[in-house]
PDB file of N, CA and C in Angstrom:
ATOM      1  N   MET A   1      97.627  94.484 128.980  1.00  0.00           N
ATOM      2  CA  MET A   1      96.287  94.880 128.633  1.00  0.00           C
ATOM      3  C   MET A   1      95.695  93.845 127.678  1.00  0.00           C
ATOM      4  N   SER A   2      94.501  93.363 127.979  1.00  0.00           N
ATOM      5  CA  SER A   2      93.894  92.336 127.140  1.00  0.00           C
ATOM      6  C   SER A   2      93.250  92.955 125.901  1.00  0.00           C
ATOM      7  N   LYS A   3      93.175  92.146 124.871  1.00  0.00           N
ATOM      8  CA  LYS A   3      92.590  92.591 123.608  1.00  0.00           C
ATOM      9  C   LYS A   3      91.075  92.695 123.779  1.00  0.00           C
ATOM     10  N   PRO A   4      90.437  93.774 123.274  1.00  0.00           N
ATOM     11  CA  PRO A   4      88.986  93.888 123.410  1.00  0.00           C
ATOM     12  C   PRO A   4      88.275  92.770 122.656  1.00  0.00           C
ATOM     13  N   MET A   5      87.141  92.348 123.195  1.00  0.00           N
ATOM     14  CA  MET A   5      86.352  91.285 122.593  1.00  0.00           C
ATOM     15  C   MET A   5      85.702  91.798 121.304  1.00  0.00           C
ATOM     16  N   SER A   6      85.693  90.976 120.281  1.00  0.00           N
ATOM     17  CA  SER A   6      85.068  91.369 119.007  1.00  0.00           C
ATOM     18  C   SER A   6      83.557  91.469 119.179  1.00  0.00           C
ATOM     19  N   ILE A   7      82.914  92.197 118.273  1.00  0.00           N
ATOM     20  CA  ILE A   7      81.457  92.315 118.307  1.00  0.00           C
ATOM     21  C   ILE A   7      80.830  90.929 118.215  1.00  0.00           C
ATOM     22  N   HIS A   8      81.371  90.095 117.353  1.00  0.00           N
ATOM     23  CA  HIS A   8      80.837  88.741 117.194  1.00  0.00           C
ATOM     24  C   HIS A   8      80.889  87.985 118.526  1.00  0.00           C
ATOM     25  N   LYS A   9      82.013  88.068 119.218  1.00  0.00           N
ATOM     26  CA  LYS A   9      82.151  87.371 120.503  1.00  0.00           C
ATOM     27  C   LYS A   9      81.201  87.955 121.543  1.00  0.00           C
ATOM     28  N   ARG A  10      81.021  89.293 121.526  1.00  0.00           N
ATOM     29  CA  ARG A  10      80.093  89.916 122.483  1.00  0.00           C
ATOM     30  C   ARG A  10      78.668  89.475 122.193  1.00  0.00           C
ATOM     31  N   ARG A  11      78.306  89.375 120.922  1.00  0.00           N
ATOM     32  CA  ARG A  11      76.962  88.902 120.575  1.00  0.00           C
ATOM     33  C   ARG A  11      76.785  87.446 120.987  1.00  0.00           C
ATOM     34  N   GLU A  12      77.816  86.645 120.766  1.00  0.00           N
ATOM     35  CA  GLU A  12      77.755  85.254 121.194  1.00  0.00           C
ATOM     36  C   GLU A  12      77.570  85.168 122.712  1.00  0.00           C
ATOM     37  N   ARG A  13      78.223  86.056 123.452  1.00  0.00           N
ATOM     38  CA  ARG A  13      78.080  86.074 124.910  1.00  0.00           C
ATOM     39  C   ARG A  13      76.630  86.378 125.293  1.00  0.00           C
ATOM     40  N   ILE A  14      76.034  87.362 124.627  1.00  0.00           N
ATOM     41  CA  ILE A  14      74.645  87.728 124.918  1.00  0.00           C
ATOM     42  C   ILE A  14      73.722  86.548 124.601  1.00  0.00           C
ATOM     43  N   LYS A  15      73.970  85.894 123.478  1.00  0.00           N
ATOM     44  CA  LYS A  15      73.169  84.728 123.112  1.00  0.00           C
ATOM     45  C   LYS A  15      73.303  83.650 124.184  1.00  0.00           C
ATOM     46  N   HIS A  16      74.526  83.404 124.625  1.00  0.00           N
ATOM     47  CA  HIS A  16      74.787  82.398 125.655  1.00  0.00           C
ATOM     48  C   HIS A  16      74.060  82.752 126.957  1.00  0.00           C
ATOM     49  N   ILE A  17      74.111  84.015 127.334  1.00  0.00           N
ATOM     50  CA  ILE A  17      73.415  84.448 128.550  1.00  0.00           C
ATOM     51  C   ILE A  17      71.920  84.201 128.405  1.00  0.00           C
ATOM     52  N   GLY A  18      71.370  84.533 127.232  1.00  0.00           N
ATOM     53  CA  GLY A  18      69.949  84.298 126.983  1.00  0.00           C
ATOM     54  C   GLY A  18      69.588  82.830 127.113  1.00  0.00           C
ATOM     55  N   GLU A  19      70.445  81.971 126.580  1.00  0.00           N
ATOM     56  CA  GLU A  19      70.208  80.529 126.698  1.00  0.00           C
ATOM     57  C   GLU A  19      70.277  80.090 128.155  1.00  0.00           C
ATOM     58  N   GLN A  20      71.238  80.647 128.883  1.00  0.00           N
ATOM     59  CA  GLN A  20      71.397  80.275 130.290  1.00  0.00           C
ATOM     60  C   GLN A  20      70.228  80.762 131.150  1.00  0.00           C
ATOM     61  N   LEU A  21      69.592  81.862 130.745  1.00  0.00           N
ATOM     62  CA  LEU A  21      68.433  82.363 131.487  1.00  0.00           C
ATOM     63  C   LEU A  21      67.323  81.315 131.542  1.00  0.00           C
ATOM     64  N   LEU A  22      67.218  80.515 130.491  1.00  0.00           N
ATOM     65  CA  LEU A  22      66.205  79.460 130.468  1.00  0.00           C
ATOM     66  C   LEU A  22      66.430  78.444 131.585  1.00  0.00           C
ATOM     67  N   PHE A  23      67.681  78.253 131.949  1.00  0.00           N
ATOM     68  CA  PHE A  23      68.027  77.242 132.953  1.00  0.00           C
ATOM     69  C   PHE A  23      68.470  77.862 134.287  1.00  0.00           C
ATOM     70  N   ARG A  24      68.482  79.200 134.349  1.00  0.00           N
ATOM     71  CA  ARG A  24      68.904  79.947 135.549  1.00  0.00           C
ATOM     72  C   ARG A  24      70.313  79.553 136.002  1.00  0.00           C
ATOM     73  N   GLN A  25      71.235  79.496 135.044  1.00  0.00           N
ATOM     74  CA  GLN A  25      72.605  79.122 135.349  1.00  0.00           C
ATOM     75  C   GLN A  25      73.581  80.245 135.014  1.00  0.00           C
ATOM     76  N   LEU A  26      73.236  81.455 135.359  1.00  0.00           N
ATOM     77  CA  LEU A  26      74.116  82.586 135.062  1.00  0.00           C
ATOM     78  C   LEU A  26      75.200  82.710 136.118  1.00  0.00           C
ATOM     79  N   THR A  27      76.379  83.097 135.647  1.00  0.00           N
ATOM     80  CA  THR A  27      77.453  83.405 136.590  1.00  0.00           C
ATOM     81  C   THR A  27      77.161  84.760 137.215  1.00  0.00           C
ATOM     82  N   VAL A  28      77.824  85.053 138.294  1.00  0.00           N
ATOM     83  CA  VAL A  28      77.648  86.349 138.954  1.00  0.00           C
ATOM     84  C   VAL A  28      78.010  87.474 137.982  1.00  0.00           C
ATOM     85  N   GLU A  29      79.077  87.275 137.225  1.00  0.00           N
ATOM     86  CA  GLU A  29      79.518  88.284 136.248  1.00  0.00           C
ATOM     87  C   GLU A  29      78.446  88.511 135.185  1.00  0.00           C
ATOM     88  N   ASP A  30      77.861  87.424 134.669  1.00  0.00           N
ATOM     89  CA  ASP A  30      76.826  87.551 133.648  1.00  0.00           C
ATOM     90  C   ASP A  30      75.556  88.193 134.207  1.00  0.00           C
ATOM     91  N   LYS A  31      75.197  87.849 135.437  1.00  0.00           N
ATOM     92  CA  LYS A  31      74.022  88.466 136.072  1.00  0.00           C
ATOM     93  C   LYS A  31      74.209  89.968 136.189  1.00  0.00           C
ATOM     94  N   LYS A  32      75.406  90.377 136.611  1.00  0.00           N
ATOM     95  CA  LYS A  32      75.704  91.806 136.757  1.00  0.00           C
ATOM     96  C   LYS A  32      75.637  92.492 135.400  1.00  0.00           C
ATOM     97  N   PHE A  33      76.250  91.874 134.376  1.00  0.00           N
ATOM     98  CA  PHE A  33      76.275  92.447 133.041  1.00  0.00           C
ATOM     99  C   PHE A  33      74.868  92.647 132.491  1.00  0.00           C
ATOM    100  N   ILE A  34      74.058  91.582 132.539  1.00  0.00           N
ATOM    101  CA  ILE A  34      72.726  91.669 131.945  1.00  0.00           C
ATOM    102  C   ILE A  34      71.836  92.614 132.743  1.00  0.00           C
ATOM    103  N   SER A  35      71.994  92.621 134.046  1.00  0.00           N
ATOM    104  CA  SER A  35      71.217  93.519 134.900  1.00  0.00           C
ATOM    105  C   SER A  35      71.527  94.976 134.575  1.00  0.00           C
ATOM    106  N   GLU A  36      72.804  95.314 134.518  1.00  0.00           N
ATOM    107  CA  GLU A  36      73.206  96.693 134.211  1.00  0.00           C
ATOM    108  C   GLU A  36      72.761  97.095 132.806  1.00  0.00           C
ATOM    109  N   ALA A  37      72.885  96.174 131.843  1.00  0.00           N
ATOM    110  CA  ALA A  37      72.484  96.480 130.470  1.00  0.00           C
ATOM    111  C   ALA A  37      70.981  96.738 130.388  1.00  0.00           C
ATOM    112  N   LEU A  38      70.187  95.916 131.046  1.00  0.00           N
ATOM    113  CA  LEU A  38      68.737  96.097 131.013  1.00  0.00           C
ATOM    114  C   LEU A  38      68.312  97.390 131.701  1.00  0.00           C
ATOM    115  N   ILE A  39      68.991  97.746 132.775  1.00  0.00           N
ATOM    116  CA  ILE A  39      68.704  99.012 133.455  1.00  0.00           C
ATOM    117  C   ILE A  39      69.011 100.176 132.520  1.00  0.00           C
ATOM    118  N   LYS A  40      70.146 100.119 131.835  1.00  0.00           N
ATOM    119  CA  LYS A  40      70.514 101.179 130.880  1.00  0.00           C
ATOM    120  C   LYS A  40      69.484 101.283 129.759  1.00  0.00           C
ATOM    121  N   ILE A  41      69.070 100.143 129.234  1.00  0.00           N
ATOM    122  CA  ILE A  41      68.070 100.138 128.156  1.00  0.00           C
ATOM    123  C   ILE A  41      66.759 100.719 128.672  1.00  0.00           C
ATOM    124  N   GLY A  42      66.373 100.330 129.889  1.00  0.00           N
ATOM    125  CA  GLY A  42      65.159 100.862 130.502  1.00  0.00           C
ATOM    126  C   GLY A  42      65.216 102.363 130.715  1.00  0.00           C
ATOM    127  N   ASN A  43      66.418 102.890 130.896  1.00  0.00           N
ATOM    128  CA  ASN A  43      66.613 104.333 131.066  1.00  0.00           C
ATOM    129  C   ASN A  43      66.743 105.056 129.734  1.00  0.00           C
ATOM    130  N   GLY A  44      66.573 104.333 128.634  1.00  0.00           N
ATOM    131  CA  GLY A  44      66.570 104.966 127.320  1.00  0.00           C
ATOM    132  C   GLY A  44      67.870 104.883 126.537  1.00  0.00           C
ATOM    133  N   GLU A  45      68.876 104.209 127.069  1.00  0.00           N
ATOM    134  CA  GLU A  45      70.135 104.082 126.329  1.00  0.00           C
ATOM    135  C   GLU A  45      69.950 103.133 125.147  1.00  0.00           C
ATOM    136  N   ASP A  46      70.690 103.384 124.110  1.00  0.00           N
ATOM    137  CA  ASP A  46      70.659 102.545 122.921  1.00  0.00           C
ATOM    138  C   ASP A  46      71.025 101.105 123.315  1.00  0.00           C
ATOM    139  N   PRO A  47      70.174 100.118 122.970  1.00  0.00           N
ATOM    140  CA  PRO A  47      70.458  98.726 123.349  1.00  0.00           C
ATOM    141  C   PRO A  47      71.816  98.214 122.862  1.00  0.00           C
ATOM    142  N   ALA A  48      72.202  98.586 121.646  1.00  0.00           N
ATOM    143  CA  ALA A  48      73.499  98.126 121.135  1.00  0.00           C
ATOM    144  C   ALA A  48      74.633  98.644 121.994  1.00  0.00           C
ATOM    145  N   SER A  49      74.498  99.866 122.460  1.00  0.00           N
ATOM    146  CA  SER A  49      75.517 100.448 123.324  1.00  0.00           C
ATOM    147  C   SER A  49      75.478  99.810 124.714  1.00  0.00           C
ATOM    148  N   ALA A  50      74.278  99.651 125.258  1.00  0.00           N
ATOM    149  CA  ALA A  50      74.132  99.072 126.596  1.00  0.00           C
ATOM    150  C   ALA A  50      74.635  97.635 126.651  1.00  0.00           C
ATOM    151  N   LEU A  51      74.425  96.896 125.567  1.00  0.00           N
ATOM    152  CA  LEU A  51      74.870  95.506 125.515  1.00  0.00           C
ATOM    153  C   LEU A  51      76.295  95.366 124.985  1.00  0.00           C
ATOM    154  N   ASP A  52      76.918  96.498 124.690  1.00  0.00           N
ATOM    155  CA  ASP A  52      78.309  96.545 124.241  1.00  0.00           C
ATOM    156  C   ASP A  52      78.527  95.782 122.938  1.00  0.00           C
ATOM    157  N   VAL A  53      77.571  95.945 122.010  1.00  0.00           N
ATOM    158  CA  VAL A  53      77.729  95.322 120.696  1.00  0.00           C
ATOM    159  C   VAL A  53      77.729  96.358 119.579  1.00  0.00           C
ATOM    160  N   LYS A  54      77.800  97.603 119.950  1.00  0.00           N
ATOM    161  CA  LYS A  54      77.843  98.669 118.956  1.00  0.00           C
ATOM    162  C   LYS A  54      79.288  98.805 118.481  1.00  0.00           C
ATOM    163  N   GLY A  55      79.468  98.763 117.185  1.00  0.00           N
ATOM    164  CA  GLY A  55      80.813  98.882 116.626  1.00  0.00           C
ATOM    165  C   GLY A  55      81.379 100.275 116.835  1.00  0.00           C
ATOM    166  N   THR A  56      82.683 100.345 116.911  1.00  0.00           N
ATOM    167  CA  THR A  56      83.349 101.632 117.025  1.00  0.00           C
ATOM    168  C   THR A  56      83.742 102.093 115.628  1.00  0.00           C
ATOM    169  N   PRO A  57      83.974 103.392 115.440  1.00  0.00           N
ATOM    170  CA  PRO A  57      84.375 103.869 114.117  1.00  0.00           C
ATOM    171  C   PRO A  57      85.595 103.097 113.603  1.00  0.00           C
ATOM    172  N   GLY A  58      85.523 102.703 112.357  1.00  0.00           N
ATOM    173  CA  GLY A  58      86.629 101.970 111.758  1.00  0.00           C
ATOM    174  C   GLY A  58      86.505 100.465 111.892  1.00  0.00           C
ATOM    175  N   ARG A  59      85.534 100.001 112.651  1.00  0.00           N
ATOM    176  CA  ARG A  59      85.329  98.562 112.811  1.00  0.00           C
ATOM    177  C   ARG A  59      84.075  98.174 112.047  1.00  0.00           C
ATOM    178  N   LYS A  60      84.114  97.021 111.439  1.00  0.00           N
ATOM    179  CA  LYS A  60      82.983  96.548 110.649  1.00  0.00           C
ATOM    180  C   LYS A  60      81.921  95.948 111.559  1.00  0.00           C
ATOM    181  N   SER A  61      80.679  96.153 111.168  1.00  0.00           N
ATOM    182  CA  SER A  61      79.592  95.503 111.893  1.00  0.00           C
ATOM    183  C   SER A  61      79.606  94.029 111.536  1.00  0.00           C
ATOM    184  N   GLY A  62      78.877  93.256 112.262  1.00  0.00           N
ATOM    185  CA  GLY A  62      78.813  91.826 111.991  1.00  0.00           C
ATOM    186  C   GLY A  62      78.347  91.534 110.588  1.00  0.00           C
ATOM    187  N   GLN A  63      77.314  92.244 110.132  1.00  0.00           N
ATOM    188  CA  GLN A  63      76.785  92.001 108.789  1.00  0.00           C
ATOM    189  C   GLN A  63      77.808  92.390 107.730  1.00  0.00           C
ATOM    190  N   GLU A  64      78.481  93.507 107.915  1.00  0.00           N
ATOM    191  CA  GLU A  64      79.496  93.926 106.948  1.00  0.00           C
ATOM    192  C   GLU A  64      80.632  92.908 106.893  1.00  0.00           C
ATOM    193  N   ALA A  65      81.015  92.387 108.041  1.00  0.00           N
ATOM    194  CA  ALA A  65      82.088  91.389 108.084  1.00  0.00           C
ATOM    195  C   ALA A  65      81.657  90.114 107.363  1.00  0.00           C
ATOM    196  N   ARG A  66      80.406  89.686 107.590  1.00  0.00           N
ATOM    197  CA  ARG A  66      79.899  88.496 106.905  1.00  0.00           C
ATOM    198  C   ARG A  66      79.824  88.730 105.403  1.00  0.00           C
ATOM    199  N   ASP A  67      79.359  89.916 104.986  1.00  0.00           N
ATOM    200  CA  ASP A  67      79.284  90.243 103.565  1.00  0.00           C
ATOM    201  C   ASP A  67      80.670  90.213 102.918  1.00  0.00           C
ATOM    202  N   ALA A  68      81.653  90.743 103.617  1.00  0.00           N
ATOM    203  CA  ALA A  68      83.024  90.757 103.096  1.00  0.00           C
ATOM    204  C   ALA A  68      83.553  89.334 102.947  1.00  0.00           C
ATOM    205  N   GLU A  69      83.237  88.474 103.903  1.00  0.00           N
ATOM    206  CA  GLU A  69      83.689  87.086 103.845  1.00  0.00           C
ATOM    207  C   GLU A  69      83.020  86.349 102.678  1.00  0.00           C
ATOM    208  N   ILE A  70      81.746  86.606 102.462  1.00  0.00           N
ATOM    209  CA  ILE A  70      81.024  85.993 101.334  1.00  0.00           C
ATOM    210  C   ILE A  70      81.624  86.467 100.011  1.00  0.00           C
ATOM    211  N   ARG A  71      81.892  87.786  99.911  1.00  0.00           N
ATOM    212  CA  ARG A  71      82.478  88.344  98.690  1.00  0.00           C
ATOM    213  C   ARG A  71      83.853  87.728  98.424  1.00  0.00           C
ATOM    214  N   LYS A  72      84.630  87.537  99.476  1.00  0.00           N
ATOM    215  CA  LYS A  72      85.954  86.933  99.345  1.00  0.00           C
ATOM    216  C   LYS A  72      85.836  85.502  98.816  1.00  0.00           C
ATOM    217  N   GLU A  73      84.943  84.722  99.396  1.00  0.00           N
ATOM    218  CA  GLU A  73      84.770  83.335  98.958  1.00  0.00           C
ATOM    219  C   GLU A  73      84.269  83.270  97.517  1.00  0.00           C
ATOM    220  N   PHE A  74      83.354  84.163  97.167  1.00  0.00           N
ATOM    221  CA  PHE A  74      82.834  84.194  95.796  1.00  0.00           C
ATOM    222  C   PHE A  74      83.951  84.535  94.810  1.00  0.00           C
ATOM    223  N   ALA A  75      84.774  85.512  95.166  1.00  0.00           N
ATOM    224  CA  ALA A  75      85.902  85.885  94.296  1.00  0.00           C
ATOM    225  C   ALA A  75      86.844  84.703  94.116  1.00  0.00           C
ATOM    226  N   LYS A  76      87.116  83.974  95.187  1.00  0.00           N
ATOM    227  CA  LYS A  76      88.002  82.814  95.101  1.00  0.00           C
ATOM    228  C   LYS A  76      87.415  81.748  94.174  1.00  0.00           C
ATOM    229  N   ILE A  77      86.116  81.506  94.298  1.00  0.00           N
ATOM    230  CA  ILE A  77      85.459  80.491  93.466  1.00  0.00           C
ATOM    231  C   ILE A  77      85.539  80.890  91.994  1.00  0.00           C
ATOM    232  N   VAL A  78      85.210  82.139  91.688  1.00  0.00           N
ATOM    233  CA  VAL A  78      85.245  82.609  90.301  1.00  0.00           C
ATOM    234  C   VAL A  78      86.663  82.516  89.750  1.00  0.00           C
ATOM    235  N   MET A  79      87.630  82.947  90.516  1.00  0.00           N
ATOM    236  CA  MET A  79      89.018  82.905  90.050  1.00  0.00           C
ATOM    237  C   MET A  79      89.477  81.456  89.840  1.00  0.00           C
ATOM    238  N   ARG A  80      89.119  80.571  90.747  1.00  0.00           N
ATOM    239  CA  ARG A  80      89.492  79.157  90.628  1.00  0.00           C
ATOM    240  C   ARG A  80      88.903  78.554  89.350  1.00  0.00           C
ATOM    241  N   GLU A  81      87.633  78.833  89.102  1.00  0.00           N
ATOM    242  CA  GLU A  81      86.972  78.294  87.912  1.00  0.00           C
ATOM    243  C   GLU A  81      87.557  78.877  86.627  1.00  0.00           C
ATOM    244  N   GLN A  82      87.907  80.161  86.661  1.00  0.00           N
ATOM    245  CA  GLN A  82      88.532  80.793  85.492  1.00  0.00           C
ATOM    246  C   GLN A  82      89.889  80.150  85.210  1.00  0.00           C
ATOM    247  N   ARG A  83      90.632  79.834  86.274  1.00  0.00           N
ATOM    248  CA  ARG A  83      91.938  79.176  86.113  1.00  0.00           C
ATOM    249  C   ARG A  83      91.754  77.776  85.528  1.00  0.00           C
ATOM    250  N   LYS A  84      90.746  77.063  86.019  1.00  0.00           N
ATOM    251  CA  LYS A  84      90.468  75.725  85.498  1.00  0.00           C
ATOM    252  C   LYS A  84      90.118  75.775  84.015  1.00  0.00           C
ATOM    253  N   ALA A  85      89.481  76.869  83.603  1.00  0.00           N
ATOM    254  CA  ALA A  85      89.102  77.044  82.197  1.00  0.00           C
ATOM    255  C   ALA A  85      90.294  77.447  81.332  1.00  0.00           C
ATOM    256  N   GLY A  86      91.460  77.614  81.965  1.00  0.00           N
ATOM    257  CA  GLY A  86      92.673  77.895  81.219  1.00  0.00           C
ATOM    258  C   GLY A  86      93.072  79.360  81.141  1.00  0.00           C
ATOM    259  N   LYS A  87      92.357  80.213  81.819  1.00  0.00           N
ATOM    260  CA  LYS A  87      92.668  81.641  81.785  1.00  0.00           C
ATOM    261  C   LYS A  87      93.880  81.937  82.680  1.00  0.00           C
ATOM    262  N   LYS A  88      94.704  82.879  82.255  1.00  0.00           N
ATOM    263  CA  LYS A  88      95.876  83.267  83.043  1.00  0.00           C
ATOM    264  C   LYS A  88      95.443  84.112  84.234  1.00  0.00           C
ATOM    265  N   LEU A  89      96.160  83.947  85.331  1.00  0.00           N
ATOM    266  CA  LEU A  89      95.837  84.675  86.553  1.00  0.00           C
ATOM    267  C   LEU A  89      95.875  86.184  86.332  1.00  0.00           C
ATOM    268  N   THR A  90      96.865  86.669  85.600  1.00  0.00           N
ATOM    269  CA  THR A  90      96.956  88.113  85.350  1.00  0.00           C
ATOM    270  C   THR A  90      95.737  88.627  84.596  1.00  0.00           C
ATOM    271  N   GLU A  91      95.215  87.825  83.660  1.00  0.00           N
ATOM    272  CA  GLU A  91      94.012  88.217  82.918  1.00  0.00           C
ATOM    273  C   GLU A  91      92.797  88.278  83.842  1.00  0.00           C
ATOM    274  N   ILE A  92      92.688  87.280  84.696  1.00  0.00           N
ATOM    275  CA  ILE A  92      91.554  87.217  85.625  1.00  0.00           C
ATOM    276  C   ILE A  92      91.572  88.424  86.561  1.00  0.00           C
ATOM    277  N   ILE A  93      92.730  88.694  87.111  1.00  0.00           N
ATOM    278  CA  ILE A  93      92.861  89.808  88.062  1.00  0.00           C
ATOM    279  C   ILE A  93      92.580  91.135  87.370  1.00  0.00           C
ATOM    280  N   SER A  94      93.093  91.298  86.154  1.00  0.00           N
ATOM    281  CA  SER A  94      92.829  92.532  85.402  1.00  0.00           C
ATOM    282  C   SER A  94      91.348  92.686  85.081  1.00  0.00           C
ATOM    283  N   GLU A  95      90.718  91.586  84.741  1.00  0.00           N
ATOM    284  CA  GLU A  95      89.301  91.624  84.373  1.00  0.00           C
ATOM    285  C   GLU A  95      88.404  91.971  85.563  1.00  0.00           C
ATOM    286  N   TYR A  96      88.699  91.413  86.717  1.00  0.00           N
ATOM    287  CA  TYR A  96      87.815  91.592  87.876  1.00  0.00           C
ATOM    288  C   TYR A  96      88.286  92.639  88.879  1.00  0.00           C
ATOM    289  N   GLY A  97      89.477  93.187  88.692  1.00  0.00           N
ATOM    290  CA  GLY A  97      90.012  94.203  89.603  1.00  0.00           C
ATOM    291  C   GLY A  97      89.410  95.577  89.372  1.00  0.00           C
ATOM    292  N   GLU A  98      89.966  96.556  90.048  1.00  0.00           N
ATOM    293  CA  GLU A  98      89.412  97.924  90.008  1.00  0.00           C
ATOM    294  C   GLU A  98      89.493  98.585  88.638  1.00  0.00           C
ATOM    295  N   HIS A  99      90.383  98.091  87.765  1.00  0.00           N
ATOM    296  CA  HIS A  99      90.506  98.685  86.436  1.00  0.00           C
ATOM    297  C   HIS A  99      89.704  97.919  85.387  1.00  0.00           C
ATOM    298  N   GLY A 100      89.057  96.845  85.817  1.00  0.00           N
ATOM    299  CA  GLY A 100      88.232  96.040  84.921  1.00  0.00           C
ATOM    300  C   GLY A 100      86.769  96.162  85.309  1.00  0.00           C
ATOM    301  N   LEU A 101      86.097  95.032  85.390  1.00  0.00           N
ATOM    302  CA  LEU A 101      84.673  95.018  85.726  1.00  0.00           C
ATOM    303  C   LEU A 101      84.412  95.438  87.176  1.00  0.00           C
ATOM    304  N   ASN A 102      85.350  95.132  88.039  1.00  0.00           N
ATOM    305  CA  ASN A 102      85.270  95.478  89.468  1.00  0.00           C
ATOM    306  C   ASN A 102      83.973  94.968  90.106  1.00  0.00           C
ATOM    307  N   ILE A 103      83.541  93.785  89.702  1.00  0.00           N
ATOM    308  CA  ILE A 103      82.271  93.258  90.216  1.00  0.00           C
ATOM    309  C   ILE A 103      82.328  92.880  91.692  1.00  0.00           C
ATOM    310  N   PHE A 104      83.521  92.642  92.206  1.00  0.00           N
ATOM    311  CA  PHE A 104      83.648  92.297  93.621  1.00  0.00           C
ATOM    312  C   PHE A 104      83.933  93.515  94.489  1.00  0.00           C
ATOM    313  N   GLY A 105      84.239  94.648  93.855  1.00  0.00           N
ATOM    314  CA  GLY A 105      84.604  95.836  94.621  1.00  0.00           C
ATOM    315  C   GLY A 105      85.954  95.677  95.294  1.00  0.00           C
ATOM    316  N   LEU A 106      86.835  94.892  94.679  1.00  0.00           N
ATOM    317  CA  LEU A 106      88.149  94.603  95.256  1.00  0.00           C
ATOM    318  C   LEU A 106      89.259  95.056  94.316  1.00  0.00           C
ATOM    319  N   THR A 107      90.385  95.419  94.891  1.00  0.00           N
ATOM    320  CA  THR A 107      91.525  95.833  94.079  1.00  0.00           C
ATOM    321  C   THR A 107      92.217  94.610  93.487  1.00  0.00           C
ATOM    322  N   GLU A 108      93.033  94.855  92.482  1.00  0.00           N
ATOM    323  CA  GLU A 108      93.804  93.770  91.872  1.00  0.00           C
ATOM    324  C   GLU A 108      94.737  93.145  92.912  1.00  0.00           C
ATOM    325  N   GLU A 109      95.307  93.971  93.756  1.00  0.00           N
ATOM    326  CA  GLU A 109      96.223  93.473  94.797  1.00  0.00           C
ATOM    327  C   GLU A 109      95.488  92.538  95.765  1.00  0.00           C
ATOM    328  N   THR A 110      94.280  92.909  96.122  1.00  0.00           N
ATOM    329  CA  THR A 110      93.489  92.063  97.021  1.00  0.00           C
ATOM    330  C   THR A 110      93.151  90.741  96.347  1.00  0.00           C
ATOM    331  N   LEU A 111      92.782  90.785  95.078  1.00  0.00           N
ATOM    332  CA  LEU A 111      92.481  89.555  94.352  1.00  0.00           C
ATOM    333  C   LEU A 111      93.702  88.650  94.279  1.00  0.00           C
ATOM    334  N   LYS A 112      94.879  89.225  94.083  1.00  0.00           N
ATOM    335  CA  LYS A 112      96.117  88.430  94.081  1.00  0.00           C
ATOM    336  C   LYS A 112      96.282  87.734  95.420  1.00  0.00           C
ATOM    337  N   THR A 113      96.051  88.474  96.485  1.00  0.00           N
ATOM    338  CA  THR A 113      96.188  87.917  97.835  1.00  0.00           C
ATOM    339  C   THR A 113      95.207  86.774  98.043  1.00  0.00           C
ATOM    340  N   TYR A 114      93.971  86.952  97.611  1.00  0.00           N
ATOM    341  CA  TYR A 114      92.963  85.919  97.756  1.00  0.00           C
ATOM    342  C   TYR A 114      93.365  84.664  96.996  1.00  0.00           C
ATOM    343  N   TYR A 115      93.913  84.853  95.784  1.00  0.00           N
ATOM    344  CA  TYR A 115      94.299  83.684  95.008  1.00  0.00           C
ATOM    345  C   TYR A 115      95.478  82.964  95.679  1.00  0.00           C
ATOM    346  N   GLN A 116      96.401  83.728  96.254  1.00  0.00           N
ATOM    347  CA  GLN A 116      97.536  83.118  96.950  1.00  0.00           C
ATOM    348  C   GLN A 116      97.054  82.329  98.161  1.00  0.00           C
ATOM    349  N   ASP A 117      95.975  82.789  98.805  1.00  0.00           N
ATOM    350  CA  ASP A 117      95.396  82.063  99.926  1.00  0.00           C
ATOM    351  C   ASP A 117      94.910  80.681  99.514  1.00  0.00           C
ATOM    352  N   GLU A 118      94.543  80.548  98.249  1.00  0.00           N
ATOM    353  CA  GLU A 118      94.047  79.280  97.723  1.00  0.00           C
ATOM    354  C   GLU A 118      95.159  78.234  97.646  1.00  0.00           C
ATOM    355  N   ASP A 119      96.383  78.674  97.374  1.00  0.00           N
ATOM    356  CA  ASP A 119      97.511  77.745  97.190  1.00  0.00           C
ATOM    357  C   ASP A 119      97.949  77.121  98.497  1.00  0.00           C
TER     358      ASP A 119
END
């Protein structure tokens, strides 16, 4: 059984199909997909569902995933700069983790993992 395509990949596929429409170079599979999706939308179905880009429960939307990635990078930058300033890693993690300022909305364990990713 193949792994389901991520929302990001499905959106990229839709974008690609849209670009191909300009040049009329759609594959038979893409023509069928876009045709069925447009018919569903025309019949009142939710476009996100018809285009198969609606997230399922427990899965992050594209924007949430991007926000999480930005937050992760920001946390790494702050931690790196704090380390350069001579602060101990345990102090940094305590300060910014769930028992401290919690400005990133991340646990101390997650911050440790992010810092280890830097090494």
